[in-house]
C-alpha cells in the first residue's frame, strides 16, 4: 500500500485518467474529490461491503436444467 500525505488542494494521479483531490480536512475527516472515467465504478468501501452482503452467493443464483 502506498501512503501519501496531501494538503488541501493537492492531488494524486492514478494512471492517465484518475485524479483524487483533497477538498477539505478537519475534525478527523477528509473530504476528497475523485475524477474518473464514467465507465469506472467508484464506491465507498463500506457501501460495497453492504452490497456484497445483500447479494446472494453466485452459486445460489445458478439455474439448473436437471
N, C-alpha and C. Protein backbone atom coordinates (compact mmCIF):
# COMPACT_ATOMS: atom_id res chain seq x y z
N UNK A 1 0.85 -1.17 0.00
CA UNK A 1 0.00 0.00 0.00
C UNK A 1 0.90 1.24 0.00
N UNK A 2 0.60 2.14 -0.89
CA UNK A 2 1.30 3.42 -0.94
C UNK A 2 0.57 4.40 -0.02
N UNK A 3 1.28 5.03 0.88
CA UNK A 3 0.69 6.00 1.81
C UNK A 3 1.28 7.37 1.50
N UNK A 4 0.41 8.35 1.25
CA UNK A 4 0.84 9.70 0.91
C UNK A 4 0.22 10.71 1.86
N UNK A 5 0.90 11.81 2.07
CA UNK A 5 0.36 12.93 2.84
C UNK A 5 0.08 14.06 1.86
N UNK A 6 -1.13 14.59 1.89
CA UNK A 6 -1.53 15.67 0.99
C UNK A 6 -2.17 16.78 1.80
N UNK A 7 -2.07 18.00 1.30
CA UNK A 7 -2.71 19.16 1.91
C UNK A 7 -3.91 19.56 1.07
N UNK A 8 -4.75 20.40 1.63
CA UNK A 8 -5.93 20.89 0.92
C UNK A 8 -5.51 21.46 -0.45
N UNK A 9 -6.23 21.02 -1.48
CA UNK A 9 -5.96 21.49 -2.83
C UNK A 9 -4.97 20.64 -3.61
N UNK A 10 -4.23 19.78 -2.93
CA UNK A 10 -3.26 18.93 -3.61
C UNK A 10 -3.95 17.70 -4.21
N UNK A 11 -3.31 17.12 -5.21
CA UNK A 11 -3.92 15.99 -5.92
C UNK A 11 -3.01 14.78 -5.94
N UNK A 12 -3.62 13.66 -6.29
CA UNK A 12 -2.93 12.40 -6.55
C UNK A 12 -3.46 11.91 -7.89
N UNK A 13 -2.57 11.49 -8.78
CA UNK A 13 -2.98 10.95 -10.08
C UNK A 13 -2.75 9.45 -10.09
N UNK A 14 -3.73 8.74 -10.62
CA UNK A 14 -3.61 7.29 -10.80
C UNK A 14 -3.76 7.03 -12.29
N UNK A 15 -2.69 6.59 -12.90
CA UNK A 15 -2.70 6.40 -14.34
C UNK A 15 -2.92 7.72 -15.05
N UNK A 16 -3.50 7.65 -16.24
CA UNK A 16 -3.75 8.85 -17.03
C UNK A 16 -5.14 9.43 -16.82
N UNK A 17 -6.04 8.68 -16.18
CA UNK A 17 -7.43 9.11 -16.18
C UNK A 17 -8.08 9.31 -14.82
N UNK A 18 -7.36 9.10 -13.72
CA UNK A 18 -7.96 9.25 -12.39
C UNK A 18 -7.20 10.30 -11.61
N UNK A 19 -7.95 11.27 -11.05
CA UNK A 19 -7.36 12.31 -10.22
C UNK A 19 -8.13 12.35 -8.91
N UNK A 20 -7.41 12.30 -7.80
CA UNK A 20 -8.01 12.43 -6.47
C UNK A 20 -7.51 13.74 -5.89
N UNK A 21 -8.44 14.59 -5.44
CA UNK A 21 -8.08 15.90 -4.92
C UNK A 21 -8.59 16.05 -3.49
N UNK A 22 -7.74 16.57 -2.60
CA UNK A 22 -8.16 16.86 -1.22
C UNK A 22 -8.94 18.17 -1.25
N UNK A 23 -10.22 18.10 -0.90
CA UNK A 23 -11.09 19.26 -0.91
C UNK A 23 -11.01 20.01 0.41
N UNK A 24 -11.11 19.27 1.52
CA UNK A 24 -11.01 19.91 2.84
C UNK A 24 -10.63 18.86 3.88
N UNK A 25 -10.09 19.35 5.00
CA UNK A 25 -9.75 18.48 6.12
C UNK A 25 -10.16 19.16 7.41
N UNK A 26 -10.42 18.37 8.42
CA UNK A 26 -10.74 18.93 9.72
C UNK A 26 -11.61 18.00 10.54
N UNK A 27 -11.50 18.10 11.86
CA UNK A 27 -12.28 17.32 12.82
C UNK A 27 -12.26 15.82 12.52
N UNK A 28 -11.09 15.32 12.17
CA UNK A 28 -10.96 13.88 11.95
C UNK A 28 -11.52 13.38 10.64
N UNK A 29 -11.88 14.28 9.73
CA UNK A 29 -12.43 13.88 8.44
C UNK A 29 -11.66 14.56 7.32
N UNK A 30 -11.65 13.90 6.19
CA UNK A 30 -11.04 14.46 4.99
C UNK A 30 -12.04 14.32 3.85
N UNK A 31 -12.34 15.42 3.17
CA UNK A 31 -13.24 15.38 2.02
C UNK A 31 -12.38 15.35 0.77
N UNK A 32 -12.65 14.35 -0.09
CA UNK A 32 -11.89 14.23 -1.33
C UNK A 32 -12.83 14.29 -2.53
N UNK A 33 -12.28 14.70 -3.65
CA UNK A 33 -13.00 14.66 -4.92
C UNK A 33 -12.28 13.68 -5.82
N UNK A 34 -13.05 12.92 -6.59
CA UNK A 34 -12.47 11.93 -7.49
C UNK A 34 -12.96 12.18 -8.90
N UNK A 35 -12.04 12.40 -9.82
CA UNK A 35 -12.35 12.48 -11.25
C UNK A 35 -11.91 11.16 -11.87
N UNK A 36 -12.88 10.43 -12.42
CA UNK A 36 -12.59 9.15 -13.05
C UNK A 36 -13.49 9.00 -14.27
N UNK A 37 -13.12 8.14 -15.20
CA UNK A 37 -13.97 7.91 -16.37
C UNK A 37 -15.36 7.44 -15.95
N UNK A 38 -16.37 7.81 -16.72
CA UNK A 38 -17.76 7.47 -16.39
C UNK A 38 -17.99 5.96 -16.31
N UNK A 39 -17.22 5.19 -17.05
CA UNK A 39 -17.43 3.74 -17.05
C UNK A 39 -16.70 3.03 -15.90
N UNK A 40 -16.03 3.78 -15.04
CA UNK A 40 -15.33 3.21 -13.90
C UNK A 40 -16.16 3.41 -12.64
N UNK A 41 -16.48 2.30 -11.96
CA UNK A 41 -17.29 2.38 -10.75
C UNK A 41 -16.42 2.88 -9.60
N UNK A 42 -16.91 3.93 -8.92
CA UNK A 42 -16.25 4.47 -7.73
C UNK A 42 -17.28 4.38 -6.61
N UNK A 43 -16.96 3.64 -5.56
CA UNK A 43 -17.93 3.43 -4.48
C UNK A 43 -17.18 3.36 -3.15
N UNK A 44 -17.81 3.89 -2.10
CA UNK A 44 -17.20 3.83 -0.77
C UNK A 44 -17.10 2.38 -0.31
N UNK A 45 -16.02 2.06 0.39
CA UNK A 45 -15.77 0.69 0.83
C UNK A 45 -16.89 0.11 1.67
N UNK A 46 -17.44 0.90 2.60
CA UNK A 46 -18.50 0.36 3.47
C UNK A 46 -19.77 0.07 2.68
N UNK A 47 -20.04 0.82 1.61
CA UNK A 47 -21.21 0.53 0.79
C UNK A 47 -21.01 -0.74 -0.02
N UNK A 48 -19.82 -0.95 -0.51
CA UNK A 48 -19.52 -2.16 -1.26
C UNK A 48 -19.70 -3.39 -0.37
N UNK A 49 -19.28 -3.30 0.88
CA UNK A 49 -19.47 -4.42 1.81
C UNK A 49 -20.95 -4.71 2.01
N UNK A 50 -21.78 -3.68 2.15
CA UNK A 50 -23.22 -3.88 2.31
C UNK A 50 -23.83 -4.53 1.07
N UNK A 51 -23.42 -4.08 -0.10
CA UNK A 51 -23.93 -4.64 -1.35
C UNK A 51 -23.55 -6.11 -1.46
N UNK A 52 -22.30 -6.42 -1.14
CA UNK A 52 -21.84 -7.81 -1.23
C UNK A 52 -22.56 -8.70 -0.23
N UNK A 53 -22.89 -8.19 0.95
CA UNK A 53 -23.61 -8.97 1.95
C UNK A 53 -25.06 -9.20 1.53
N UNK A 54 -25.66 -8.23 0.83
CA UNK A 54 -27.06 -8.32 0.43
C UNK A 54 -27.26 -9.24 -0.77
N UNK A 55 -26.27 -9.36 -1.64
CA UNK A 55 -26.40 -10.20 -2.83
C UNK A 55 -26.22 -11.66 -2.45
N UNK A 56 -27.11 -12.53 -2.98
CA UNK A 56 -26.92 -13.96 -2.70
C UNK A 56 -25.66 -14.46 -3.40
N UNK A 57 -25.01 -15.47 -2.86
CA UNK A 57 -23.81 -16.01 -3.50
C UNK A 57 -24.11 -16.46 -4.92
N UNK A 58 -23.11 -16.41 -5.78
CA UNK A 58 -23.29 -16.78 -7.19
C UNK A 58 -23.86 -18.18 -7.31
N UNK A 59 -23.40 -19.10 -6.49
CA UNK A 59 -23.86 -20.49 -6.58
C UNK A 59 -25.37 -20.60 -6.40
N UNK A 60 -25.96 -19.78 -5.54
CA UNK A 60 -27.40 -19.86 -5.31
C UNK A 60 -28.21 -19.21 -6.41
N UNK A 61 -27.53 -18.45 -7.30
CA UNK A 61 -28.23 -17.80 -8.41
C UNK A 61 -28.16 -18.61 -9.70
N UNK A 62 -27.39 -19.69 -9.69
CA UNK A 62 -27.27 -20.51 -10.89
C UNK A 62 -28.54 -21.32 -11.09
N UNK A 63 -28.98 -21.44 -12.32
CA UNK A 63 -30.19 -22.19 -12.64
C UNK A 63 -29.78 -23.54 -13.18
N UNK A 64 -30.38 -24.58 -12.64
CA UNK A 64 -30.07 -25.93 -13.09
C UNK A 64 -31.13 -26.40 -14.07
N UNK A 65 -30.70 -27.06 -15.14
CA UNK A 65 -31.62 -27.60 -16.14
C UNK A 65 -31.87 -29.08 -15.91
N UNK A 66 -31.57 -29.59 -14.77
CA UNK A 66 -31.69 -31.02 -14.49
C UNK A 66 -33.08 -31.54 -14.49
